[in-house]
Structures are given as C-alpha cells and as structure tokens.
Amino acid sequence: MNIDSFMQYCLSKPFTSHDFPFGEETLVFRVKGKIFALTGLEAGHLQVNLKYDTNLIDEIRDKYEEVQPGYHMNKRHWNTVDFEGKLSDKILKELIDHSYSQVVKGLSKKDRIGLE
C-alpha cells in the first residue's frame, strides 16, 4: 500500500480528519479528534503507527514481522507497521480498521453515535 492509498483509506472512515500537529513531516489521522494512525513523511519508506488491543498486541507482533512495537509511542497500545513489506493491502486495511475501532471504543457514548 502506498501513501496515497493509505491516506484515501483512512479518510474514507466516518468522521475522520487529518492534520500535522507535530510538524509538517508527521501526518496524523483522527476520529472525532482522537488519533488512530500517524506516519512520518520524510523517511521515504511508509511505516505507520496504529493502535491495537492490549490483549492481542503480542499475538499480532508474533504473527507478522512487519508489525513492531510502536516507534515513539506507548508500546503497550501502539504498533509500527511496515506498509511496504510482505503484508497484503487486505491485512493492512484490517489493521487500520482495528486501530480505528479501538479509538472509537474509547470515545464517549455521545461521540460514538454514528460510528458503531
């Protein structure tokens, strides 16, 4: 998956926005203001930080070598995923969907309306 496909897929999720709160090199995607994905644009190699269920995080890291503890993130909640490795677009989309769902679960009941 390339950066354009990644951006398009993230922005297709309901109530998603993007911004650059950490400088022009770090692209952040949010649902209702909460981060569910971020990536550095300067590296030239697409790696994305995605949130993951803490009960399953070790399992997904063991299953895919492209999934590593989150770079500059809380490693109990975040993974860094190599989007230019062997993972199919289907699996990458599932990982994005999982991250989005994890963040939606943490929103207030009012903010979850229309998202679940």
PDB file of N, CA and C in Angstrom:
ATOM      1  N   MET A   1       0.859  -1.176   0.000  1.00  0.00           N
ATOM      2  CA  MET A   1       0.000   0.000   0.000  1.00  0.00           C
ATOM      3  C   MET A   1       0.899   1.231   0.000  1.00  0.00           C
ATOM      4  N   ASN A   2       0.616   2.164  -0.867  1.00  0.00           N
ATOM      5  CA  ASN A   2       1.409   3.393  -0.911  1.00  0.00           C
ATOM      6  C   ASN A   2       0.745   4.490  -0.073  1.00  0.00           C
ATOM      7  N   ILE A   3       1.411   5.613   0.054  1.00  0.00           N
ATOM      8  CA  ILE A   3       0.919   6.703   0.904  1.00  0.00           C
ATOM      9  C   ILE A   3      -0.426   7.233   0.432  1.00  0.00           C
ATOM     10  N   ASP A   4      -0.635   7.331  -0.869  1.00  0.00           N
ATOM     11  CA  ASP A   4      -1.911   7.842  -1.376  1.00  0.00           C
ATOM     12  C   ASP A   4      -3.063   6.900  -1.041  1.00  0.00           C
ATOM     13  N   SER A   5      -2.854   5.600  -1.213  1.00  0.00           N
ATOM     14  CA  SER A   5      -3.887   4.611  -0.879  1.00  0.00           C
ATOM     15  C   SER A   5      -4.166   4.614   0.621  1.00  0.00           C
ATOM     16  N   PHE A   6      -3.102   4.720   1.417  1.00  0.00           N
ATOM     17  CA  PHE A   6      -3.244   4.782   2.872  1.00  0.00           C
ATOM     18  C   PHE A   6      -4.079   5.994   3.280  1.00  0.00           C
ATOM     19  N   MET A   7      -3.737   7.156   2.745  1.00  0.00           N
ATOM     20  CA  MET A   7      -4.471   8.382   3.082  1.00  0.00           C
ATOM     21  C   MET A   7      -5.935   8.270   2.661  1.00  0.00           C
ATOM     22  N   GLN A   8      -6.166   7.801   1.456  1.00  0.00           N
ATOM     23  CA  GLN A   8      -7.529   7.674   0.943  1.00  0.00           C
ATOM     24  C   GLN A   8      -8.344   6.718   1.812  1.00  0.00           C
ATOM     25  N   TYR A   9      -7.740   5.598   2.208  1.00  0.00           N
ATOM     26  CA  TYR A   9      -8.468   4.630   3.025  1.00  0.00           C
ATOM     27  C   TYR A   9      -8.796   5.215   4.403  1.00  0.00           C
ATOM     28  N   CYS A  10      -7.823   5.848   5.034  1.00  0.00           N
ATOM     29  CA  CYS A  10      -8.074   6.450   6.354  1.00  0.00           C
ATOM     30  C   CYS A  10      -9.173   7.505   6.280  1.00  0.00           C
ATOM     31  N   LEU A  11      -9.112   8.356   5.270  1.00  0.00           N
ATOM     32  CA  LEU A  11     -10.101   9.436   5.145  1.00  0.00           C
ATOM     33  C   LEU A  11     -11.483   8.933   4.747  1.00  0.00           C
ATOM     34  N   SER A  12     -11.579   7.678   4.312  1.00  0.00           N
ATOM     35  CA  SER A  12     -12.890   7.108   3.976  1.00  0.00           C
ATOM     36  C   SER A  12     -13.663   6.686   5.224  1.00  0.00           C
ATOM     37  N   LYS A  13     -12.994   6.625   6.366  1.00  0.00           N
ATOM     38  CA  LYS A  13     -13.643   6.239   7.620  1.00  0.00           C
ATOM     39  C   LYS A  13     -14.507   7.403   8.120  1.00  0.00           C
ATOM     40  N   PRO A  14     -15.670   7.108   8.691  1.00  0.00           N
ATOM     41  CA  PRO A  14     -16.562   8.176   9.171  1.00  0.00           C
ATOM     42  C   PRO A  14     -15.898   9.102  10.196  1.00  0.00           C
ATOM     43  N   PHE A  15     -16.166  10.382  10.056  1.00  0.00           N
ATOM     44  CA  PHE A  15     -15.720  11.419  10.993  1.00  0.00           C
ATOM     45  C   PHE A  15     -14.196  11.478  11.145  1.00  0.00           C
ATOM     46  N   THR A  16     -13.481  11.133  10.080  1.00  0.00           N
ATOM     47  CA  THR A  16     -12.020  11.166  10.108  1.00  0.00           C
ATOM     48  C   THR A  16     -11.504  12.485   9.550  1.00  0.00           C
ATOM     49  N   SER A  17     -10.472  12.989  10.202  1.00  0.00           N
ATOM     50  CA  SER A  17      -9.776  14.187   9.721  1.00  0.00           C
ATOM     51  C   SER A  17      -8.279  13.906   9.781  1.00  0.00           C
ATOM     52  N   HIS A  18      -7.501  14.791   9.170  1.00  0.00           N
ATOM     53  CA  HIS A  18      -6.048  14.649   9.262  1.00  0.00           C
ATOM     54  C   HIS A  18      -5.422  16.018   9.488  1.00  0.00           C
ATOM     55  N   ASP A  19      -4.256  16.000  10.126  1.00  0.00           N
ATOM     56  CA  ASP A  19      -3.542  17.239  10.392  1.00  0.00           C
ATOM     57  C   ASP A  19      -2.063  16.928  10.633  1.00  0.00           C
ATOM     58  N   PHE A  20      -1.314  17.975  10.947  1.00  0.00           N
ATOM     59  CA  PHE A  20       0.130  17.875  11.163  1.00  0.00           C
ATOM     60  C   PHE A  20       0.490  18.535  12.503  1.00  0.00           C
ATOM     61  N   PRO A  21       0.032  17.974  13.637  1.00  0.00           N
ATOM     62  CA  PRO A  21       0.258  18.627  14.932  1.00  0.00           C
ATOM     63  C   PRO A  21       1.703  18.577  15.426  1.00  0.00           C
ATOM     64  N   PHE A  22       2.502  17.672  14.866  1.00  0.00           N
ATOM     65  CA  PHE A  22       3.885  17.502  15.318  1.00  0.00           C
ATOM     66  C   PHE A  22       4.890  18.032  14.298  1.00  0.00           C
ATOM     67  N   GLY A  23       4.430  18.861  13.380  1.00  0.00           N
ATOM     68  CA  GLY A  23       5.292  19.387  12.325  1.00  0.00           C
ATOM     69  C   GLY A  23       4.879  18.841  10.973  1.00  0.00           C
ATOM     70  N   GLU A  24       5.407  19.445   9.930  1.00  0.00           N
ATOM     71  CA  GLU A  24       4.962  19.125   8.575  1.00  0.00           C
ATOM     72  C   GLU A  24       5.392  17.747   8.084  1.00  0.00           C
ATOM     73  N   GLU A  25       6.203  17.038   8.847  1.00  0.00           N
ATOM     74  CA  GLU A  25       6.664  15.708   8.432  1.00  0.00           C
ATOM     75  C   GLU A  25       5.862  14.566   9.045  1.00  0.00           C
ATOM     76  N   THR A  26       4.959  14.859   9.986  1.00  0.00           N
ATOM     77  CA  THR A  26       4.194  13.801  10.645  1.00  0.00           C
ATOM     78  C   THR A  26       2.707  13.988  10.382  1.00  0.00           C
ATOM     79  N   LEU A  27       2.157  13.092   9.579  1.00  0.00           N
ATOM     80  CA  LEU A  27       0.752  13.115   9.201  1.00  0.00           C
ATOM     81  C   LEU A  27      -0.046  12.286  10.196  1.00  0.00           C
ATOM     82  N   VAL A  28      -1.097  12.893  10.761  1.00  0.00           N
ATOM     83  CA  VAL A  28      -1.915  12.262  11.793  1.00  0.00           C
ATOM     84  C   VAL A  28      -3.357  12.149  11.306  1.00  0.00           C
ATOM     85  N   PHE A  29      -3.960  10.980  11.549  1.00  0.00           N
ATOM     86  CA  PHE A  29      -5.380  10.770  11.247  1.00  0.00           C
ATOM     87  C   PHE A  29      -6.119  10.597  12.558  1.00  0.00           C
ATOM     88  N   ARG A  30      -7.278  11.263  12.640  1.00  0.00           N
ATOM     89  CA  ARG A  30      -8.069  11.260  13.872  1.00  0.00           C
ATOM     90  C   ARG A  30      -9.519  10.904  13.571  1.00  0.00           C
ATOM     91  N   VAL A  31     -10.157  10.296  14.552  1.00  0.00           N
ATOM     92  CA  VAL A  31     -11.599  10.120  14.522  1.00  0.00           C
ATOM     93  C   VAL A  31     -12.142  10.899  15.712  1.00  0.00           C
ATOM     94  N   LYS A  32     -13.022  11.835  15.434  1.00  0.00           N
ATOM     95  CA  LYS A  32     -13.584  12.700  16.483  1.00  0.00           C
ATOM     96  C   LYS A  32     -12.480  13.311  17.350  1.00  0.00           C
ATOM     97  N   GLY A  33     -11.362  13.673  16.733  1.00  0.00           N
ATOM     98  CA  GLY A  33     -10.273  14.348  17.429  1.00  0.00           C
ATOM     99  C   GLY A  33      -9.241  13.441  18.077  1.00  0.00           C
ATOM    100  N   LYS A  34      -9.473  12.132  18.093  1.00  0.00           N
ATOM    101  CA  LYS A  34      -8.545  11.183  18.723  1.00  0.00           C
ATOM    102  C   LYS A  34      -7.717  10.464  17.655  1.00  0.00           C
ATOM    103  N   ILE A  35      -6.424  10.362  17.882  1.00  0.00           N
ATOM    104  CA  ILE A  35      -5.503   9.766  16.905  1.00  0.00           C
ATOM    105  C   ILE A  35      -5.722   8.260  16.783  1.00  0.00           C
ATOM    106  N   PHE A  36      -5.838   7.786  15.521  1.00  0.00           N
ATOM    107  CA  PHE A  36      -5.856   6.344  15.279  1.00  0.00           C
ATOM    108  C   PHE A  36      -4.736   5.898  14.339  1.00  0.00           C
ATOM    109  N   ALA A  37      -4.083   6.833  13.657  1.00  0.00           N
ATOM    110  CA  ALA A  37      -2.964   6.481  12.775  1.00  0.00           C
ATOM    111  C   ALA A  37      -2.061   7.690  12.595  1.00  0.00           C
ATOM    112  N   LEU A  38      -0.760   7.443  12.509  1.00  0.00           N
ATOM    113  CA  LEU A  38       0.174   8.515  12.187  1.00  0.00           C
ATOM    114  C   LEU A  38       1.392   7.937  11.483  1.00  0.00           C
ATOM    115  N   THR A  39       1.968   8.765  10.625  1.00  0.00           N
ATOM    116  CA  THR A  39       3.130   8.336   9.860  1.00  0.00           C
ATOM    117  C   THR A  39       4.061   9.507   9.591  1.00  0.00           C
ATOM    118  N   GLY A  40       5.335   9.211   9.514  1.00  0.00           N
ATOM    119  CA  GLY A  40       6.321  10.207   9.126  1.00  0.00           C
ATOM    120  C   GLY A  40       6.441  10.245   7.614  1.00  0.00           C
ATOM    121  N   LEU A  41       6.457  11.424   7.045  1.00  0.00           N
ATOM    122  CA  LEU A  41       6.508  11.572   5.591  1.00  0.00           C
ATOM    123  C   LEU A  41       7.924  11.698   5.054  1.00  0.00           C
ATOM    124  N   GLU A  42       8.890  11.975   5.921  1.00  0.00           N
ATOM    125  CA  GLU A  42      10.244  12.245   5.459  1.00  0.00           C
ATOM    126  C   GLU A  42      11.056  10.987   5.164  1.00  0.00           C
ATOM    127  N   ALA A  43      10.683   9.869   5.681  1.00  0.00           N
ATOM    128  CA  ALA A  43      11.520   8.669   5.607  1.00  0.00           C
ATOM    129  C   ALA A  43      11.628   8.070   4.206  1.00  0.00           C
ATOM    130  N   GLY A  44      10.622   8.228   3.380  1.00  0.00           N
ATOM    131  CA  GLY A  44      10.645   7.616   2.061  1.00  0.00           C
ATOM    132  C   GLY A  44      10.213   6.163   2.080  1.00  0.00           C
ATOM    133  N   HIS A  45       9.962   5.614   3.248  1.00  0.00           N
ATOM    134  CA  HIS A  45       9.513   4.234   3.424  1.00  0.00           C
ATOM    135  C   HIS A  45       8.300   4.294   4.340  1.00  0.00           C
ATOM    136  N   LEU A  46       7.152   3.861   3.865  1.00  0.00           N
ATOM    137  CA  LEU A  46       5.907   4.028   4.612  1.00  0.00           C
ATOM    138  C   LEU A  46       5.823   3.077   5.798  1.00  0.00           C
ATOM    139  N   GLN A  47       5.906   3.655   6.985  1.00  0.00           N
ATOM    140  CA  GLN A  47       5.668   2.953   8.237  1.00  0.00           C
ATOM    141  C   GLN A  47       4.621   3.752   8.991  1.00  0.00           C
ATOM    142  N   VAL A  48       3.652   3.036   9.554  1.00  0.00           N
ATOM    143  CA  VAL A  48       2.505   3.687  10.169  1.00  0.00           C
ATOM    144  C   VAL A  48       2.336   3.185  11.596  1.00  0.00           C
ATOM    145  N   ASN A  49       2.077   4.103  12.524  1.00  0.00           N
ATOM    146  CA  ASN A  49       1.741   3.733  13.894  1.00  0.00           C
ATOM    147  C   ASN A  49       0.232   3.566  13.984  1.00  0.00           C
ATOM    148  N   LEU A  50      -0.180   2.399  14.497  1.00  0.00           N
ATOM    149  CA  LEU A  50      -1.596   2.073  14.640  1.00  0.00           C
ATOM    150  C   LEU A  50      -1.851   1.529  16.038  1.00  0.00           C
ATOM    151  N   LYS A  51      -2.999   1.870  16.594  1.00  0.00           N
ATOM    152  CA  LYS A  51      -3.382   1.395  17.919  1.00  0.00           C
ATOM    153  C   LYS A  51      -3.839  -0.060  17.817  1.00  0.00           C
ATOM    154  N   TYR A  52      -3.639  -0.826  18.903  1.00  0.00           N
ATOM    155  CA  TYR A  52      -4.047  -2.229  18.888  1.00  0.00           C
ATOM    156  C   TYR A  52      -4.511  -2.646  20.276  1.00  0.00           C
ATOM    157  N   ASP A  53      -5.418  -3.598  20.319  1.00  0.00           N
ATOM    158  CA  ASP A  53      -5.955  -4.143  21.564  1.00  0.00           C
ATOM    159  C   ASP A  53      -4.798  -4.691  22.412  1.00  0.00           C
ATOM    160  N   THR A  54      -4.681  -4.233  23.645  1.00  0.00           N
ATOM    161  CA  THR A  54      -3.565  -4.647  24.505  1.00  0.00           C
ATOM    162  C   THR A  54      -3.581  -6.148  24.785  1.00  0.00           C
ATOM    163  N   ASN A  55      -4.751  -6.779  24.754  1.00  0.00           N
ATOM    164  CA  ASN A  55      -4.842  -8.221  24.996  1.00  0.00           C
ATOM    165  C   ASN A  55      -4.344  -9.043  23.806  1.00  0.00           C
ATOM    166  N   LEU A  56      -4.262  -8.428  22.641  1.00  0.00           N
ATOM    167  CA  LEU A  56      -3.884  -9.143  21.420  1.00  0.00           C
ATOM    168  C   LEU A  56      -2.583  -8.637  20.798  1.00  0.00           C
ATOM    169  N   ILE A  57      -1.988  -7.621  21.402  1.00  0.00           N
ATOM    170  CA  ILE A  57      -0.861  -6.939  20.757  1.00  0.00           C
ATOM    171  C   ILE A  57       0.354  -7.849  20.560  1.00  0.00           C
ATOM    172  N   ASP A  58       0.659  -8.696  21.532  1.00  0.00           N
ATOM    173  CA  ASP A  58       1.804  -9.600  21.380  1.00  0.00           C
ATOM    174  C   ASP A  58       1.543 -10.634  20.290  1.00  0.00           C
ATOM    175  N   GLU A  59       0.312 -11.089  20.205  1.00  0.00           N
ATOM    176  CA  GLU A  59      -0.070 -12.083  19.191  1.00  0.00           C
ATOM    177  C   GLU A  59       0.137 -11.544  17.770  1.00  0.00           C
ATOM    178  N   ILE A  60      -0.283 -10.317  17.514  1.00  0.00           N
ATOM    179  CA  ILE A  60      -0.142  -9.747  16.166  1.00  0.00           C
ATOM    180  C   ILE A  60       1.329  -9.487  15.843  1.00  0.00           C
ATOM    181  N   ARG A  61       2.111  -9.105  16.835  1.00  0.00           N
ATOM    182  CA  ARG A  61       3.550  -8.885  16.615  1.00  0.00           C
ATOM    183  C   ARG A  61       4.265 -10.200  16.311  1.00  0.00           C
ATOM    184  N   ASP A  62       3.835 -11.271  16.970  1.00  0.00           N
ATOM    185  CA  ASP A  62       4.431 -12.583  16.711  1.00  0.00           C
ATOM    186  C   ASP A  62       4.026 -13.122  15.343  1.00  0.00           C
ATOM    187  N   LYS A  63       2.841 -12.784  14.917  1.00  0.00           N
ATOM    188  CA  LYS A  63       2.303 -13.301  13.654  1.00  0.00           C
ATOM    189  C   LYS A  63       2.958 -12.659  12.429  1.00  0.00           C
ATOM    190  N   TYR A  64       3.239 -11.357  12.504  1.00  0.00           N
ATOM    191  CA  TYR A  64       3.771 -10.617  11.352  1.00  0.00           C
ATOM    192  C   TYR A  64       5.054  -9.880  11.728  1.00  0.00           C
ATOM    193  N   GLU A  65       6.135 -10.168  11.031  1.00  0.00           N
ATOM    194  CA  GLU A  65       7.400  -9.482  11.316  1.00  0.00           C
ATOM    195  C   GLU A  65       7.336  -8.000  10.971  1.00  0.00           C
ATOM    196  N   GLU A  66       6.393  -7.606  10.114  1.00  0.00           N
ATOM    197  CA  GLU A  66       6.231  -6.194   9.740  1.00  0.00           C
ATOM    198  C   GLU A  66       5.577  -5.364  10.841  1.00  0.00           C
ATOM    199  N   VAL A  67       5.079  -6.030  11.878  1.00  0.00           N
ATOM    200  CA  VAL A  67       4.424  -5.346  12.998  1.00  0.00           C
ATOM    201  C   VAL A  67       5.378  -5.353  14.190  1.00  0.00           C
ATOM    202  N   GLN A  68       5.789  -4.165  14.611  1.00  0.00           N
ATOM    203  CA  GLN A  68       6.753  -3.999  15.693  1.00  0.00           C
ATOM    204  C   GLN A  68       6.169  -3.059  16.755  1.00  0.00           C
ATOM    205  N   PRO A  69       6.750  -3.058  17.967  1.00  0.00           N
ATOM    206  CA  PRO A  69       6.288  -2.101  18.979  1.00  0.00           C
ATOM    207  C   PRO A  69       6.341  -0.671  18.438  1.00  0.00           C
ATOM    208  N   GLY A  70       5.371   0.126  18.820  1.00  0.00           N
ATOM    209  CA  GLY A  70       5.219   1.481  18.299  1.00  0.00           C
ATOM    210  C   GLY A  70       6.432   2.370  18.526  1.00  0.00           C
ATOM    211  N   TYR A  71       6.941   2.935  17.455  1.00  0.00           N
ATOM    212  CA  TYR A  71       8.087   3.842  17.499  1.00  0.00           C
ATOM    213  C   TYR A  71       7.641   5.183  18.077  1.00  0.00           C
ATOM    214  N   HIS A  72       8.285   5.612  19.149  1.00  0.00           N
ATOM    215  CA  HIS A  72       7.959   6.861  19.855  1.00  0.00           C
ATOM    216  C   HIS A  72       6.525   6.875  20.385  1.00  0.00           C
ATOM    217  N   MET A  73       5.978   5.700  20.682  1.00  0.00           N
ATOM    218  CA  MET A  73       4.605   5.596  21.174  1.00  0.00           C
ATOM    219  C   MET A  73       4.600   4.679  22.395  1.00  0.00           C
ATOM    220  N   ASN A  74       3.460   4.643  23.097  1.00  0.00           N
ATOM    221  CA  ASN A  74       3.287   3.705  24.198  1.00  0.00           C
ATOM    222  C   ASN A  74       3.222   2.299  23.596  1.00  0.00           C
ATOM    223  N   LYS A  75       4.228   1.500  23.846  1.00  0.00           N
ATOM    224  CA  LYS A  75       4.361   0.198  23.200  1.00  0.00           C
ATOM    225  C   LYS A  75       3.334  -0.825  23.673  1.00  0.00           C
ATOM    226  N   ARG A  76       2.622  -0.536  24.741  1.00  0.00           N
ATOM    227  CA  ARG A  76       1.537  -1.421  25.194  1.00  0.00           C
ATOM    228  C   ARG A  76       0.282  -1.239  24.351  1.00  0.00           C
ATOM    229  N   HIS A  77       0.170  -0.107  23.660  1.00  0.00           N
ATOM    230  CA  HIS A  77      -1.047   0.211  22.912  1.00  0.00           C
ATOM    231  C   HIS A  77      -0.830   0.415  21.415  1.00  0.00           C
ATOM    232  N   TRP A  78       0.403   0.636  21.000  1.00  0.00           N
ATOM    233  CA  TRP A  78       0.672   1.033  19.618  1.00  0.00           C
ATOM    234  C   TRP A  78       1.693   0.126  18.940  1.00  0.00           C
ATOM    235  N   ASN A  79       1.463  -0.114  17.655  1.00  0.00           N
ATOM    236  CA  ASN A  79       2.392  -0.841  16.795  1.00  0.00           C
ATOM    237  C   ASN A  79       2.872   0.074  15.679  1.00  0.00           C
ATOM    238  N   THR A  80       4.078  -0.167  15.217  1.00  0.00           N
ATOM    239  CA  THR A  80       4.558   0.437  13.980  1.00  0.00           C
ATOM    240  C   THR A  80       4.517  -0.659  12.925  1.00  0.00           C
ATOM    241  N   VAL A  81       3.811  -0.381  11.835  1.00  0.00           N
ATOM    242  CA  VAL A  81       3.595  -1.375  10.786  1.00  0.00           C
ATOM    243  C   VAL A  81       4.317  -0.937   9.514  1.00  0.00           C
ATOM    244  N   ASP A  82       5.111  -1.846   8.965  1.00  0.00           N
ATOM    245  CA  ASP A  82       5.801  -1.601   7.701  1.00  0.00           C
ATOM    246  C   ASP A  82       4.806  -1.839   6.567  1.00  0.00           C
ATOM    247  N   PHE A  83       4.392  -0.771   5.908  1.00  0.00           N
ATOM    248  CA  PHE A  83       3.391  -0.863   4.849  1.00  0.00           C
ATOM    249  C   PHE A  83       4.008  -1.243   3.507  1.00  0.00           C
ATOM    250  N   GLU A  84       5.310  -1.342   3.451  1.00  0.00           N
ATOM    251  CA  GLU A  84       5.963  -1.699   2.188  1.00  0.00           C
ATOM    252  C   GLU A  84       6.619  -3.070   2.272  1.00  0.00           C
ATOM    253  N   GLY A  85       6.201  -3.859   3.259  1.00  0.00           N
ATOM    254  CA  GLY A  85       6.726  -5.213   3.423  1.00  0.00           C
ATOM    255  C   GLY A  85       5.856  -6.223   2.694  1.00  0.00           C
ATOM    256  N   LYS A  86       5.712  -7.390   3.295  1.00  0.00           N
ATOM    257  CA  LYS A  86       5.004  -8.503   2.666  1.00  0.00           C
ATOM    258  C   LYS A  86       3.500  -8.505   2.929  1.00  0.00           C
ATOM    259  N   LEU A  87       3.019  -7.654   3.817  1.00  0.00           N
ATOM    260  CA  LEU A  87       1.598  -7.681   4.170  1.00  0.00           C
ATOM    261  C   LEU A  87       0.738  -7.205   3.003  1.00  0.00           C
ATOM    262  N   SER A  88      -0.347  -7.924   2.771  1.00  0.00           N
ATOM    263  CA  SER A  88      -1.268  -7.556   1.690  1.00  0.00           C
ATOM    264  C   SER A  88      -2.051  -6.302   2.071  1.00  0.00           C
ATOM    265  N   ASP A  89      -2.604  -5.640   1.072  1.00  0.00           N
ATOM    266  CA  ASP A  89      -3.449  -4.472   1.339  1.00  0.00           C
ATOM    267  C   ASP A  89      -4.638  -4.864   2.204  1.00  0.00           C
ATOM    268  N   LYS A  90      -5.152  -6.073   2.029  1.00  0.00           N
ATOM    269  CA  LYS A  90      -6.283  -6.549   2.835  1.00  0.00           C
ATOM    270  C   LYS A  90      -5.912  -6.564   4.319  1.00  0.00           C
ATOM    271  N   ILE A  91      -4.759  -7.110   4.646  1.00  0.00           N
ATOM    272  CA  ILE A  91      -4.317  -7.158   6.044  1.00  0.00           C
ATOM    273  C   ILE A  91      -4.042  -5.752   6.562  1.00  0.00           C
ATOM    274  N   LEU A  92      -3.402  -4.911   5.758  1.00  0.00           N
ATOM    275  CA  LEU A  92      -3.129  -3.535   6.181  1.00  0.00           C
ATOM    276  C   LEU A  92      -4.427  -2.792   6.474  1.00  0.00           C
ATOM    277  N   LYS A  93      -5.437  -2.981   5.642  1.00  0.00           N
ATOM    278  CA  LYS A  93      -6.741  -2.345   5.885  1.00  0.00           C
ATOM    279  C   LYS A  93      -7.371  -2.883   7.158  1.00  0.00           C
ATOM    280  N   GLU A  94      -7.220  -4.180   7.422  1.00  0.00           N
ATOM    281  CA  GLU A  94      -7.737  -4.758   8.669  1.00  0.00           C
ATOM    282  C   GLU A  94      -7.049  -4.133   9.883  1.00  0.00           C
ATOM    283  N   LEU A  95      -5.750  -3.893   9.784  1.00  0.00           N
ATOM    284  CA  LEU A  95      -5.017  -3.261  10.886  1.00  0.00           C
ATOM    285  C   LEU A  95      -5.466  -1.814  11.093  1.00  0.00           C
ATOM    286  N   ILE A  96      -5.703  -1.094  10.007  1.00  0.00           N
ATOM    287  CA  ILE A  96      -6.234   0.275  10.110  1.00  0.00           C
ATOM    288  C   ILE A  96      -7.620   0.236  10.737  1.00  0.00           C
ATOM    289  N   ASP A  97      -8.468  -0.680  10.273  1.00  0.00           N
ATOM    290  CA  ASP A  97      -9.823  -0.814  10.817  1.00  0.00           C
ATOM    291  C   ASP A  97      -9.786  -1.110  12.311  1.00  0.00           C
ATOM    292  N   HIS A  98      -8.872  -1.990  12.717  1.00  0.00           N
ATOM    293  CA  HIS A  98      -8.755  -2.342  14.128  1.00  0.00           C
ATOM    294  C   HIS A  98      -8.357  -1.118  14.954  1.00  0.00           C
ATOM    295  N   SER A  99      -7.402  -0.362  14.474  1.00  0.00           N
ATOM    296  CA  SER A  99      -6.963   0.842  15.173  1.00  0.00           C
ATOM    297  C   SER A  99      -8.117   1.835  15.310  1.00  0.00           C
ATOM    298  N   TYR A 100      -8.812   2.062  14.214  1.00  0.00           N
ATOM    299  CA  TYR A 100      -9.966   2.968  14.211  1.00  0.00           C
ATOM    300  C   TYR A 100     -10.991   2.501  15.251  1.00  0.00           C
ATOM    301  N   SER A 101     -11.303   1.197  15.253  1.00  0.00           N
ATOM    302  CA  SER A 101     -12.289   0.643  16.193  1.00  0.00           C
ATOM    303  C   SER A 101     -11.838   0.785  17.639  1.00  0.00           C
ATOM    304  N   GLN A 102     -10.538   0.576  17.894  1.00  0.00           N
ATOM    305  CA  GLN A 102     -10.010   0.725  19.248  1.00  0.00           C
ATOM    306  C   GLN A 102     -10.212   2.147  19.760  1.00  0.00           C
ATOM    307  N   VAL A 103      -9.972   3.114  18.901  1.00  0.00           N
ATOM    308  CA  VAL A 103     -10.134   4.511  19.301  1.00  0.00           C
ATOM    309  C   VAL A 103     -11.610   4.843  19.487  1.00  0.00           C
ATOM    310  N   VAL A 104     -12.456   4.359  18.597  1.00  0.00           N
ATOM    311  CA  VAL A 104     -13.900   4.602  18.723  1.00  0.00           C
ATOM    312  C   VAL A 104     -14.416   4.042  20.046  1.00  0.00           C
ATOM    313  N   LYS A 105     -13.948   2.854  20.442  1.00  0.00           N
ATOM    314  CA  LYS A 105     -14.364   2.251  21.715  1.00  0.00           C
ATOM    315  C   LYS A 105     -14.060   3.158  22.902  1.00  0.00           C
ATOM    316  N   GLY A 106     -12.993   3.937  22.807  1.00  0.00           N
ATOM    317  CA  GLY A 106     -12.587   4.818  23.894  1.00  0.00           C
ATOM    318  C   GLY A 106     -13.282   6.167  23.914  1.00  0.00           C
ATOM    319  N   LEU A 107     -14.095   6.445  22.897  1.00  0.00           N
ATOM    320  CA  LEU A 107     -14.813   7.720  22.841  1.00  0.00           C
ATOM    321  C   LEU A 107     -15.996   7.711  23.797  1.00  0.00           C
ATOM    322  N   SER A 108     -16.470   8.880  24.144  1.00  0.00           N
ATOM    323  CA  SER A 108     -17.663   8.977  24.976  1.00  0.00           C
ATOM    324  C   SER A 108     -18.854   8.402  24.215  1.00  0.00           C
ATOM    325  N   LYS A 109     -19.876   8.024  24.936  1.00  0.00           N
ATOM    326  CA  LYS A 109     -21.080   7.457  24.315  1.00  0.00           C
ATOM    327  C   LYS A 109     -21.652   8.430  23.287  1.00  0.00           C
ATOM    328  N   LYS A 110     -21.663   9.694  23.622  1.00  0.00           N
ATOM    329  CA  LYS A 110     -22.175  10.730  22.716  1.00  0.00           C
ATOM    330  C   LYS A 110     -21.366  10.774  21.416  1.00  0.00           C
ATOM    331  N   ASP A 111     -20.040  10.710  21.529  1.00  0.00           N
ATOM    332  CA  ASP A 111     -19.179  10.781  20.345  1.00  0.00           C
ATOM    333  C   ASP A 111     -19.208   9.505  19.507  1.00  0.00           C
ATOM    334  N   ARG A 112     -19.617   8.376  20.113  1.00  0.00           N
ATOM    335  CA  ARG A 112     -19.682   7.114  19.365  1.00  0.00           C
ATOM    336  C   ARG A 112     -20.918   7.015  18.475  1.00  0.00           C
ATOM    337  N   ILE A 113     -21.887   7.899  18.655  1.00  0.00           N
ATOM    338  CA  ILE A 113     -23.108   7.856  17.845  1.00  0.00           C
ATOM    339  C   ILE A 113     -22.735   7.971  16.371  1.00  0.00           C
ATOM    340  N   GLY A 114     -23.218   7.022  15.590  1.00  0.00           N
ATOM    341  CA  GLY A 114     -22.957   7.000  14.154  1.00  0.00           C
ATOM    342  C   GLY A 114     -21.658   6.329  13.762  1.00  0.00           C
ATOM    343  N   LEU A 115     -20.897   5.836  14.743  1.00  0.00           N
ATOM    344  CA  LEU A 115     -19.604   5.212  14.454  1.00  0.00           C
ATOM    345  C   LEU A 115     -19.598   3.707  14.674  1.00  0.00           C
ATOM    346  N   GLU A 116     -20.541   3.191  15.452  1.00  0.00           N
ATOM    347  CA  GLU A 116     -20.546   1.751  15.761  1.00  0.00           C
ATOM    348  C   GLU A 116     -21.657   1.056  15.013  1.00  0.00           C
TER     349      GLU A 116
END
